[in-house]
Amino acid sequence: MSYDLLVEIGYVSDEKIDVDARLELVELAEEAGYSLKELRDLFEDGRADIGGWAVEFTKLAEEIAKLYPDVEFSMRACGEEFRDTCVREFKGGEVEFAAGPWEY
C-alpha cells in the first residue's frame, strides 16, 4: 500500500495492547497487509505512519479490539484526503463511538 495514513491510539484503561502476545493479532495484521513493526509502533508509542486507507485500518482495529476486550482505547486514522478520517472508541471489545469516513 502506498497511501499515507497517520494512526493514533489513546488508551483509557491501564491495560495496553501487546502486539506480540497474541498469535491471532499477528495473523490479522498479515492478512490485512500490515507489518508487525507498524502495529508495535502504534500500540506502544500511540502513533504510527503506515500505508493504507483509514476505513481499512479501522476494520482491523475493530478486530483487534475484540481480541483485547479488557483494553479500552480510542483510535484516529487520518489519510491524505481530509475526509479519509475515521475515529473509533472501543470498550469491552466493541465499538462504543464511531465517526467517519465521510463521503465526497
PDB file of N, CA and C in Angstrom:
ATOM      1  N   MET A   1       0.841  -1.174   0.000  1.00  0.00           N
ATOM      2  CA  MET A   1       0.000   0.000   0.000  1.00  0.00           C
ATOM      3  C   MET A   1       0.886   1.237   0.000  1.00  0.00           C
ATOM      4  N   SER A   2       0.548   2.188  -0.821  1.00  0.00           N
ATOM      5  CA  SER A   2       1.387   3.376  -0.899  1.00  0.00           C
ATOM      6  C   SER A   2       0.703   4.620  -0.356  1.00  0.00           C
ATOM      7  N   TYR A   3      -0.512   4.517   0.053  1.00  0.00           N
ATOM      8  CA  TYR A   3      -1.250   5.656   0.579  1.00  0.00           C
ATOM      9  C   TYR A   3      -0.782   5.947   2.000  1.00  0.00           C
ATOM     10  N   ASP A   4      -0.506   7.218   2.300  1.00  0.00           N
ATOM     11  CA  ASP A   4      -0.019   7.587   3.634  1.00  0.00           C
ATOM     12  C   ASP A   4      -1.166   7.747   4.612  1.00  0.00           C
ATOM     13  N   LEU A   5      -1.004   7.158   5.777  1.00  0.00           N
ATOM     14  CA  LEU A   5      -2.036   7.165   6.805  1.00  0.00           C
ATOM     15  C   LEU A   5      -1.380   7.380   8.161  1.00  0.00           C
ATOM     16  N   LEU A   6      -1.881   8.338   8.918  1.00  0.00           N
ATOM     17  CA  LEU A   6      -1.427   8.562  10.289  1.00  0.00           C
ATOM     18  C   LEU A   6      -2.475   7.956  11.211  1.00  0.00           C
ATOM     19  N   VAL A   7      -2.041   7.056  12.085  1.00  0.00           N
ATOM     20  CA  VAL A   7      -2.961   6.427  13.032  1.00  0.00           C
ATOM     21  C   VAL A   7      -2.479   6.741  14.439  1.00  0.00           C
ATOM     22  N   GLU A   8      -3.415   7.125  15.302  1.00  0.00           N
ATOM     23  CA  GLU A   8      -3.100   7.424  16.695  1.00  0.00           C
ATOM     24  C   GLU A   8      -4.004   6.605  17.603  1.00  0.00           C
ATOM     25  N   ILE A   9      -3.441   6.154  18.719  1.00  0.00           N
ATOM     26  CA  ILE A   9      -4.161   5.374  19.724  1.00  0.00           C
ATOM     27  C   ILE A   9      -4.057   6.100  21.055  1.00  0.00           C
ATOM     28  N   GLY A  10      -5.171   6.188  21.755  1.00  0.00           N
ATOM     29  CA  GLY A  10      -5.169   6.728  23.111  1.00  0.00           C
ATOM     30  C   GLY A  10      -5.815   5.719  24.037  1.00  0.00           C
ATOM     31  N   TYR A  11      -5.079   5.287  25.038  1.00  0.00           N
ATOM     32  CA  TYR A  11      -5.605   4.302  25.983  1.00  0.00           C
ATOM     33  C   TYR A  11      -6.409   4.990  27.075  1.00  0.00           C
ATOM     34  N   VAL A  12      -7.556   4.424  27.387  1.00  0.00           N
ATOM     35  CA  VAL A  12      -8.384   4.882  28.501  1.00  0.00           C
ATOM     36  C   VAL A  12      -8.093   4.009  29.719  1.00  0.00           C
ATOM     37  N   SER A  13      -7.943   2.715  29.480  1.00  0.00           N
ATOM     38  CA  SER A  13      -7.663   1.768  30.565  1.00  0.00           C
ATOM     39  C   SER A  13      -6.165   1.731  30.855  1.00  0.00           C
ATOM     40  N   ASP A  14      -5.811   1.145  31.990  1.00  0.00           N
ATOM     41  CA  ASP A  14      -4.401   0.980  32.344  1.00  0.00           C
ATOM     42  C   ASP A  14      -3.742  -0.115  31.507  1.00  0.00           C
ATOM     43  N   GLU A  15      -4.537  -1.069  31.051  1.00  0.00           N
ATOM     44  CA  GLU A  15      -4.003  -2.155  30.232  1.00  0.00           C
ATOM     45  C   GLU A  15      -3.764  -1.664  28.816  1.00  0.00           C
ATOM     46  N   LYS A  16      -2.735  -2.246  28.186  1.00  0.00           N
ATOM     47  CA  LYS A  16      -2.394  -1.875  26.816  1.00  0.00           C
ATOM     48  C   LYS A  16      -2.344  -3.117  25.941  1.00  0.00           C
ATOM     49  N   ILE A  17      -2.387  -2.895  24.661  1.00  0.00           N
ATOM     50  CA  ILE A  17      -2.339  -3.994  23.704  1.00  0.00           C
ATOM     51  C   ILE A  17      -0.889  -4.375  23.455  1.00  0.00           C
ATOM     52  N   ASP A  18      -0.574  -5.652  23.683  1.00  0.00           N
ATOM     53  CA  ASP A  18       0.749  -6.202  23.420  1.00  0.00           C
ATOM     54  C   ASP A  18       0.664  -6.957  22.100  1.00  0.00           C
ATOM     55  N   VAL A  19       1.222  -6.368  21.061  1.00  0.00           N
ATOM     56  CA  VAL A  19       1.115  -6.923  19.715  1.00  0.00           C
ATOM     57  C   VAL A  19       1.661  -8.345  19.635  1.00  0.00           C
ATOM     58  N   ASP A  20       2.736  -8.618  20.356  1.00  0.00           N
ATOM     59  CA  ASP A  20       3.384  -9.926  20.262  1.00  0.00           C
ATOM     60  C   ASP A  20       2.738 -10.999  21.133  1.00  0.00           C
ATOM     61  N   ALA A  21       1.777 -10.632  21.951  1.00  0.00           N
ATOM     62  CA  ALA A  21       1.202 -11.575  22.908  1.00  0.00           C
ATOM     63  C   ALA A  21       0.158 -12.512  22.303  1.00  0.00           C
ATOM     64  N   ARG A  22      -0.403 -12.166  21.163  1.00  0.00           N
ATOM     65  CA  ARG A  22      -1.490 -12.973  20.601  1.00  0.00           C
ATOM     66  C   ARG A  22      -1.202 -13.339  19.160  1.00  0.00           C
ATOM     67  N   LEU A  23      -1.151 -14.615  18.881  1.00  0.00           N
ATOM     68  CA  LEU A  23      -0.919 -15.095  17.524  1.00  0.00           C
ATOM     69  C   LEU A  23      -2.023 -14.615  16.585  1.00  0.00           C
ATOM     70  N   GLU A  24      -3.250 -14.535  17.090  1.00  0.00           N
ATOM     71  CA  GLU A  24      -4.368 -14.087  16.254  1.00  0.00           C
ATOM     72  C   GLU A  24      -4.125 -12.678  15.717  1.00  0.00           C
ATOM     73  N   LEU A  25      -3.523 -11.813  16.525  1.00  0.00           N
ATOM     74  CA  LEU A  25      -3.250 -10.447  16.089  1.00  0.00           C
ATOM     75  C   LEU A  25      -2.201 -10.444  14.985  1.00  0.00           C
ATOM     76  N   VAL A  26      -1.189 -11.267  15.131  1.00  0.00           N
ATOM     77  CA  VAL A  26      -0.155 -11.388  14.104  1.00  0.00           C
ATOM     78  C   VAL A  26      -0.787 -11.837  12.789  1.00  0.00           C
ATOM     79  N   GLU A  27      -1.668 -12.820  12.854  1.00  0.00           N
ATOM     80  CA  GLU A  27      -2.339 -13.325  11.655  1.00  0.00           C
ATOM     81  C   GLU A  27      -3.235 -12.263  11.028  1.00  0.00           C
ATOM     82  N   LEU A  28      -3.980 -11.520  11.852  1.00  0.00           N
ATOM     83  CA  LEU A  28      -4.834 -10.445  11.340  1.00  0.00           C
ATOM     84  C   LEU A  28      -4.009  -9.392  10.613  1.00  0.00           C
ATOM     85  N   ALA A  29      -2.885  -9.014  11.199  1.00  0.00           N
ATOM     86  CA  ALA A  29      -2.016  -7.998  10.595  1.00  0.00           C
ATOM     87  C   ALA A  29      -1.502  -8.468   9.241  1.00  0.00           C
ATOM     88  N   GLU A  30      -1.041  -9.702   9.183  1.00  0.00           N
ATOM     89  CA  GLU A  30      -0.513 -10.242   7.930  1.00  0.00           C
ATOM     90  C   GLU A  30      -1.594 -10.302   6.857  1.00  0.00           C
ATOM     91  N   GLU A  31      -2.792 -10.751   7.229  1.00  0.00           N
ATOM     92  CA  GLU A  31      -3.897 -10.837   6.271  1.00  0.00           C
ATOM     93  C   GLU A  31      -4.277  -9.462   5.737  1.00  0.00           C
ATOM     94  N   ALA A  32      -4.196  -8.435   6.590  1.00  0.00           N
ATOM     95  CA  ALA A  32      -4.576  -7.081   6.190  1.00  0.00           C
ATOM     96  C   ALA A  32      -3.432  -6.336   5.496  1.00  0.00           C
ATOM     97  N   GLY A  33      -2.233  -6.928   5.494  1.00  0.00           N
ATOM     98  CA  GLY A  33      -1.105  -6.319   4.800  1.00  0.00           C
ATOM     99  C   GLY A  33      -0.298  -5.331   5.621  1.00  0.00           C
ATOM    100  N   TYR A  34      -0.400  -5.404   6.945  1.00  0.00           N
ATOM    101  CA  TYR A  34       0.363  -4.506   7.816  1.00  0.00           C
ATOM    102  C   TYR A  34       1.498  -5.275   8.468  1.00  0.00           C
ATOM    103  N   SER A  35       2.615  -4.577   8.697  1.00  0.00           N
ATOM    104  CA  SER A  35       3.754  -5.228   9.345  1.00  0.00           C
ATOM    105  C   SER A  35       3.593  -5.172  10.860  1.00  0.00           C
ATOM    106  N   LEU A  36       4.246  -6.104  11.530  1.00  0.00           N
ATOM    107  CA  LEU A  36       4.216  -6.096  12.993  1.00  0.00           C
ATOM    108  C   LEU A  36       4.911  -4.856  13.543  1.00  0.00           C
ATOM    109  N   LYS A  37       5.927  -4.370  12.838  1.00  0.00           N
ATOM    110  CA  LYS A  37       6.611  -3.156  13.284  1.00  0.00           C
ATOM    111  C   LYS A  37       5.645  -1.973  13.298  1.00  0.00           C
ATOM    112  N   GLU A  38       4.820  -1.849  12.260  1.00  0.00           N
ATOM    113  CA  GLU A  38       3.840  -0.758  12.221  1.00  0.00           C
ATOM    114  C   GLU A  38       2.888  -0.849  13.409  1.00  0.00           C
ATOM    115  N   LEU A  39       2.409  -2.057  13.685  1.00  0.00           N
ATOM    116  CA  LEU A  39       1.470  -2.228  14.797  1.00  0.00           C
ATOM    117  C   LEU A  39       2.148  -2.039  16.148  1.00  0.00           C
ATOM    118  N   ARG A  40       3.393  -2.512  16.282  1.00  0.00           N
ATOM    119  CA  ARG A  40       4.134  -2.281  17.533  1.00  0.00           C
ATOM    120  C   ARG A  40       4.310  -0.786  17.781  1.00  0.00           C
ATOM    121  N   ASP A  41       4.751  -0.063  16.745  1.00  0.00           N
ATOM    122  CA  ASP A  41       4.929   1.387  16.876  1.00  0.00           C
ATOM    123  C   ASP A  41       3.631   2.043  17.329  1.00  0.00           C
ATOM    124  N   LEU A  42       2.535   1.641  16.719  1.00  0.00           N
ATOM    125  CA  LEU A  42       1.245   2.238  17.039  1.00  0.00           C
ATOM    126  C   LEU A  42       0.812   1.941  18.467  1.00  0.00           C
ATOM    127  N   PHE A  43       0.786   0.674  18.841  1.00  0.00           N
ATOM    128  CA  PHE A  43       0.235   0.306  20.145  1.00  0.00           C
ATOM    129  C   PHE A  43       1.194   0.548  21.309  1.00  0.00           C
ATOM    130  N   GLU A  44       2.497   0.695  21.024  1.00  0.00           N
ATOM    131  CA  GLU A  44       3.450   1.020  22.088  1.00  0.00           C
ATOM    132  C   GLU A  44       3.664   2.524  22.222  1.00  0.00           C
ATOM    133  N   ASP A  45       3.764   3.220  21.085  1.00  0.00           N
ATOM    134  CA  ASP A  45       4.068   4.655  21.092  1.00  0.00           C
ATOM    135  C   ASP A  45       2.831   5.536  20.980  1.00  0.00           C
ATOM    136  N   GLY A  46       1.703   4.934  20.569  1.00  0.00           N
ATOM    137  CA  GLY A  46       0.467   5.695  20.435  1.00  0.00           C
ATOM    138  C   GLY A  46       0.298   6.388  19.102  1.00  0.00           C
ATOM    139  N   ARG A  47       1.263   6.187  18.188  1.00  0.00           N
ATOM    140  CA  ARG A  47       1.198   6.881  16.901  1.00  0.00           C
ATOM    141  C   ARG A  47       2.078   6.148  15.894  1.00  0.00           C
ATOM    142  N   ALA A  48       1.594   6.051  14.649  1.00  0.00           N
ATOM    143  CA  ALA A  48       2.394   5.424  13.597  1.00  0.00           C
ATOM    144  C   ALA A  48       1.949   5.933  12.235  1.00  0.00           C
ATOM    145  N   ASP A  49       2.910   6.098  11.348  1.00  0.00           N
ATOM    146  CA  ASP A  49       2.644   6.390   9.943  1.00  0.00           C
ATOM    147  C   ASP A  49       2.701   5.062   9.212  1.00  0.00           C
ATOM    148  N   ILE A  50       1.597   4.704   8.586  1.00  0.00           N
ATOM    149  CA  ILE A  50       1.529   3.416   7.900  1.00  0.00           C
ATOM    150  C   ILE A  50       0.904   3.618   6.533  1.00  0.00           C
ATOM    151  N   GLY A  51       0.918   2.581   5.721  1.00  0.00           N
ATOM    152  CA  GLY A  51       0.273   2.631   4.424  1.00  0.00           C
ATOM    153  C   GLY A  51      -1.149   2.115   4.524  1.00  0.00           C
ATOM    154  N   GLY A  52      -2.019   2.649   3.699  1.00  0.00           N
ATOM    155  CA  GLY A  52      -3.384   2.146   3.689  1.00  0.00           C
ATOM    156  C   GLY A  52      -4.421   3.242   3.686  1.00  0.00           C
ATOM    157  N   TRP A  53      -5.648   2.857   3.862  1.00  0.00           N
ATOM    158  CA  TRP A  53      -6.789   3.767   3.905  1.00  0.00           C
ATOM    159  C   TRP A  53      -7.393   3.712   5.300  1.00  0.00           C
ATOM    160  N   ALA A  54      -7.939   4.814   5.761  1.00  0.00           N
ATOM    161  CA  ALA A  54      -8.489   4.893   7.119  1.00  0.00           C
ATOM    162  C   ALA A  54      -9.559   3.836   7.362  1.00  0.00           C
ATOM    163  N   VAL A  55     -10.464   3.666   6.427  1.00  0.00           N
ATOM    164  CA  VAL A  55     -11.557   2.716   6.636  1.00  0.00           C
ATOM    165  C   VAL A  55     -11.028   1.283   6.716  1.00  0.00           C
ATOM    166  N   GLU A  56      -9.984   0.959   5.944  1.00  0.00           N
ATOM    167  CA  GLU A  56      -9.406  -0.385   6.001  1.00  0.00           C
ATOM    168  C   GLU A  56      -8.732  -0.632   7.345  1.00  0.00           C
ATOM    169  N   PHE A  57      -7.972   0.356   7.823  1.00  0.00           N
ATOM    170  CA  PHE A  57      -7.309   0.167   9.107  1.00  0.00           C
ATOM    171  C   PHE A  57      -8.333   0.101  10.234  1.00  0.00           C
ATOM    172  N   THR A  58      -9.413   0.849  10.113  1.00  0.00           N
ATOM    173  CA  THR A  58     -10.456   0.841  11.135  1.00  0.00           C
ATOM    174  C   THR A  58     -11.055  -0.554  11.284  1.00  0.00           C
ATOM    175  N   LYS A  59     -11.246  -1.245  10.179  1.00  0.00           N
ATOM    176  CA  LYS A  59     -11.757  -2.624  10.238  1.00  0.00           C
ATOM    177  C   LYS A  59     -10.796  -3.524  11.009  1.00  0.00           C
ATOM    178  N   LEU A  60      -9.495  -3.347  10.778  1.00  0.00           N
ATOM    179  CA  LEU A  60      -8.502  -4.125  11.518  1.00  0.00           C
ATOM    180  C   LEU A  60      -8.556  -3.778  13.003  1.00  0.00           C
ATOM    181  N   ALA A  61      -8.662  -2.495  13.339  1.00  0.00           N
ATOM    182  CA  ALA A  61      -8.732  -2.070  14.746  1.00  0.00           C
ATOM    183  C   ALA A  61      -9.944  -2.678  15.437  1.00  0.00           C
ATOM    184  N   GLU A  62     -11.061  -2.791  14.727  1.00  0.00           N
ATOM    185  CA  GLU A  62     -12.260  -3.399  15.307  1.00  0.00           C
ATOM    186  C   GLU A  62     -12.012  -4.868  15.643  1.00  0.00           C
ATOM    187  N   GLU A  63     -11.273  -5.572  14.796  1.00  0.00           N
ATOM    188  CA  GLU A  63     -10.941  -6.972  15.072  1.00  0.00           C
ATOM    189  C   GLU A  63      -9.951  -7.079  16.232  1.00  0.00           C
ATOM    190  N   ILE A  64      -8.995  -6.172  16.285  1.00  0.00           N
ATOM    191  CA  ILE A  64      -8.026  -6.167  17.382  1.00  0.00           C
ATOM    192  C   ILE A  64      -8.735  -5.912  18.710  1.00  0.00           C
ATOM    193  N   ALA A  65      -9.686  -4.990  18.725  1.00  0.00           N
ATOM    194  CA  ALA A  65     -10.428  -4.682  19.959  1.00  0.00           C
ATOM    195  C   ALA A  65     -11.147  -5.916  20.492  1.00  0.00           C
ATOM    196  N   LYS A  66     -11.649  -6.753  19.603  1.00  0.00           N
ATOM    197  CA  LYS A  66     -12.326  -7.984  20.033  1.00  0.00           C
ATOM    198  C   LYS A  66     -11.359  -8.947  20.726  1.00  0.00           C
ATOM    199  N   LEU A  67     -10.096  -8.924  20.314  1.00  0.00           N
ATOM    200  CA  LEU A  67      -9.088  -9.793  20.935  1.00  0.00           C
ATOM    201  C   LEU A  67      -8.688  -9.309  22.324  1.00  0.00           C
ATOM    202  N   TYR A  68      -8.904  -8.024  22.591  1.00  0.00           N
ATOM    203  CA  TYR A  68      -8.500  -7.409  23.864  1.00  0.00           C
ATOM    204  C   TYR A  68      -9.686  -6.682  24.499  1.00  0.00           C
ATOM    205  N   PRO A  69     -10.729  -7.392  24.915  1.00  0.00           N
ATOM    206  CA  PRO A  69     -11.929  -6.731  25.441  1.00  0.00           C
ATOM    207  C   PRO A  69     -11.692  -5.943  26.730  1.00  0.00           C
ATOM    208  N   ASP A  70     -10.617  -6.236  27.452  1.00  0.00           N
ATOM    209  CA  ASP A  70     -10.330  -5.506  28.694  1.00  0.00           C
ATOM    210  C   ASP A  70      -9.580  -4.200  28.450  1.00  0.00           C
ATOM    211  N   VAL A  71      -9.155  -3.976  27.211  1.00  0.00           N
ATOM    212  CA  VAL A  71      -8.414  -2.758  26.887  1.00  0.00           C
ATOM    213  C   VAL A  71      -9.371  -1.749  26.258  1.00  0.00           C
ATOM    214  N   GLU A  72      -9.555  -0.637  26.942  1.00  0.00           N
ATOM    215  CA  GLU A  72     -10.411   0.438  26.441  1.00  0.00           C
ATOM    216  C   GLU A  72      -9.506   1.477  25.784  1.00  0.00           C
ATOM    217  N   PHE A  73      -9.790   1.770  24.498  1.00  0.00           N
ATOM    218  CA  PHE A  73      -8.937   2.719  23.788  1.00  0.00           C
ATOM    219  C   PHE A  73      -9.700   3.447  22.687  1.00  0.00           C
ATOM    220  N   SER A  74      -9.111   4.552  22.260  1.00  0.00           N
ATOM    221  CA  SER A  74      -9.636   5.333  21.142  1.00  0.00           C
ATOM    222  C   SER A  74      -8.634   5.265  20.004  1.00  0.00           C
ATOM    223  N   MET A  75      -9.132   5.368  18.778  1.00  0.00           N
ATOM    224  CA  MET A  75      -8.285   5.325  17.605  1.00  0.00           C
ATOM    225  C   MET A  75      -8.716   6.395  16.620  1.00  0.00           C
ATOM    226  N   ARG A  76      -7.724   7.069  16.045  1.00  0.00           N
ATOM    227  CA  ARG A  76      -7.998   8.043  14.983  1.00  0.00           C
ATOM    228  C   ARG A  76      -7.067   7.708  13.831  1.00  0.00           C
ATOM    229  N   ALA A  77      -7.637   7.536  12.637  1.00  0.00           N
ATOM    230  CA  ALA A  77      -6.857   7.264  11.432  1.00  0.00           C
ATOM    231  C   ALA A  77      -7.129   8.389  10.443  1.00  0.00           C
ATOM    232  N   CYS A  78      -6.064   9.059  10.001  1.00  0.00           N
ATOM    233  CA  CYS A  78      -6.190  10.212   9.106  1.00  0.00           C
ATOM    234  C   CYS A  78      -5.385   9.965   7.842  1.00  0.00           C
ATOM    235  N   GLY A  79      -6.072   9.926   6.717  1.00  0.00           N
ATOM    236  CA  GLY A  79      -5.409   9.747   5.432  1.00  0.00           C
ATOM    237  C   GLY A  79      -5.025  11.076   4.817  1.00  0.00           C
ATOM    238  N   GLU A  80      -4.519  11.018   3.585  1.00  0.00           N
ATOM    239  CA  GLU A  80      -4.087  12.225   2.890  1.00  0.00           C
ATOM    240  C   GLU A  80      -5.262  13.147   2.575  1.00  0.00           C
ATOM    241  N   GLU A  81      -6.390  12.580   2.239  1.00  0.00           N
ATOM    242  CA  GLU A  81      -7.577  13.387   1.960  1.00  0.00           C
ATOM    243  C   GLU A  81      -8.268  13.705   3.280  1.00  0.00           C
ATOM    244  N   PHE A  82      -8.756  14.928   3.428  1.00  0.00           N
ATOM    245  CA  PHE A  82      -9.346  15.352   4.698  1.00  0.00           C
ATOM    246  C   PHE A  82     -10.510  14.468   5.132  1.00  0.00           C
ATOM    247  N   ARG A  83     -11.293  13.998   4.188  1.00  0.00           N
ATOM    248  CA  ARG A  83     -12.447  13.178   4.562  1.00  0.00           C
ATOM    249  C   ARG A  83     -12.089  11.713   4.786  1.00  0.00           C
ATOM    250  N   ASP A  84     -10.856  11.338   4.470  1.00  0.00           N
ATOM    251  CA  ASP A  84     -10.412   9.968   4.744  1.00  0.00           C
ATOM    252  C   ASP A  84      -9.927   9.913   6.189  1.00  0.00           C
ATOM    253  N   THR A  85     -10.871  10.094   7.094  1.00  0.00           N
ATOM    254  CA  THR A  85     -10.601  10.126   8.531  1.00  0.00           C
ATOM    255  C   THR A  85     -11.644   9.269   9.241  1.00  0.00           C
ATOM    256  N   CYS A  86     -11.182   8.450  10.164  1.00  0.00           N
ATOM    257  CA  CYS A  86     -12.083   7.628  10.973  1.00  0.00           C
ATOM    258  C   CYS A  86     -11.697   7.776  12.435  1.00  0.00           C
ATOM    259  N   VAL A  87     -12.693   7.842  13.282  1.00  0.00           N
ATOM    260  CA  VAL A  87     -12.486   7.880  14.729  1.00  0.00           C
ATOM    261  C   VAL A  87     -13.321   6.759  15.331  1.00  0.00           C
ATOM    262  N   ARG A  88     -12.709   5.990  16.219  1.00  0.00           N
ATOM    263  CA  ARG A  88     -13.429   4.931  16.914  1.00  0.00           C
ATOM    264  C   ARG A  88     -13.025   4.931  18.378  1.00  0.00           C
ATOM    265  N   GLU A  89     -13.986   4.601  19.235  1.00  0.00           N
ATOM    266  CA  GLU A  89     -13.717   4.365  20.652  1.00  0.00           C
ATOM    267  C   GLU A  89     -14.185   2.951  20.955  1.00  0.00           C
ATOM    268  N   PHE A  90     -13.315   2.186  21.608  1.00  0.00           N
ATOM    269  CA  PHE A  90     -13.595   0.782  21.890  1.00  0.00           C
ATOM    270  C   PHE A  90     -13.686   0.542  23.386  1.00  0.00           C
ATOM    271  N   LYS A  91     -14.702  -0.219  23.777  1.00  0.00           N
ATOM    272  CA  LYS A  91     -14.890  -0.602  25.175  1.00  0.00           C
ATOM    273  C   LYS A  91     -15.495  -1.999  25.185  1.00  0.00           C
ATOM    274  N   GLY A  92     -14.939  -2.894  25.986  1.00  0.00           N
ATOM    275  CA  GLY A  92     -15.456  -4.260  26.050  1.00  0.00           C
ATOM    276  C   GLY A  92     -15.335  -5.009  24.742  1.00  0.00           C
ATOM    277  N   GLY A  93     -14.366  -4.621  23.921  1.00  0.00           N
ATOM    278  CA  GLY A  93     -14.157  -5.284  22.641  1.00  0.00           C
ATOM    279  C   GLY A  93     -15.106  -4.845  21.545  1.00  0.00           C
ATOM    280  N   GLU A  94     -15.943  -3.858  21.835  1.00  0.00           N
ATOM    281  CA  GLU A  94     -16.939  -3.381  20.876  1.00  0.00           C
ATOM    282  C   GLU A  94     -16.735  -1.896  20.581  1.00  0.00           C
ATOM    283  N   VAL A  95     -17.274  -1.458  19.447  1.00  0.00           N
ATOM    284  CA  VAL A  95     -17.238  -0.039  19.097  1.00  0.00           C
ATOM    285  C   VAL A  95     -18.257   0.691  19.959  1.00  0.00           C
ATOM    286  N   GLU A  96     -17.787   1.661  20.729  1.00  0.00           N
ATOM    287  CA  GLU A  96     -18.669   2.467  21.571  1.00  0.00           C
ATOM    288  C   GLU A  96     -19.041   3.780  20.875  1.00  0.00           C
ATOM    289  N   PHE A  97     -18.143   4.283  20.031  1.00  0.00           N
ATOM    290  CA  PHE A  97     -18.383   5.514  19.277  1.00  0.00           C
ATOM    291  C   PHE A  97     -17.710   5.367  17.923  1.00  0.00           C
ATOM    292  N   ALA A  98     -18.387   5.830  16.870  1.00  0.00           N
ATOM    293  CA  ALA A  98     -17.821   5.760  15.524  1.00  0.00           C
ATOM    294  C   ALA A  98     -18.156   7.022  14.741  1.00  0.00           C
ATOM    295  N   ALA A  99     -17.161   7.531  14.024  1.00  0.00           N
ATOM    296  CA  ALA A  99     -17.364   8.659  13.115  1.00  0.00           C
ATOM    297  C   ALA A  99     -16.432   8.476  11.923  1.00  0.00           C
ATOM    298  N   GLY A 100     -16.959   8.710  10.737  1.00  0.00           N
ATOM    299  CA  GLY A 100     -16.171   8.643   9.513  1.00  0.00           C
ATOM    300  C   GLY A 100     -16.031   7.217   8.998  1.00  0.00           C
ATOM    301  N   PRO A 101     -15.567   7.113   7.786  1.00  0.00           N
ATOM    302  CA  PRO A 101     -15.131   8.168   6.878  1.00  0.00           C
ATOM    303  C   PRO A 101     -16.320   8.886   6.261  1.00  0.00           C
ATOM    304  N   TRP A 102     -16.057  10.078   5.791  1.00  0.00           N
ATOM    305  CA  TRP A 102     -17.112  10.890   5.208  1.00  0.00           C
ATOM    306  C   TRP A 102     -17.078  10.782   3.696  1.00  0.00           C
ATOM    307  N   GLU A 103     -18.245  10.830   3.095  1.00  0.00           N
ATOM    308  CA  GLU A 103     -18.383  10.713   1.639  1.00  0.00           C
ATOM    309  C   GLU A 103     -18.117  12.056   0.965  1.00  0.00           C
ATOM    310  N   TYR A 104     -17.625  11.994  -0.254  1.00  0.00           N
ATOM    311  CA  TYR A 104     -17.475  13.205  -1.066  1.00  0.00           C
ATOM    312  C   TYR A 104     -18.710  13.390  -1.893  1.00  0.00           C
TER     313      TYR A 104
END
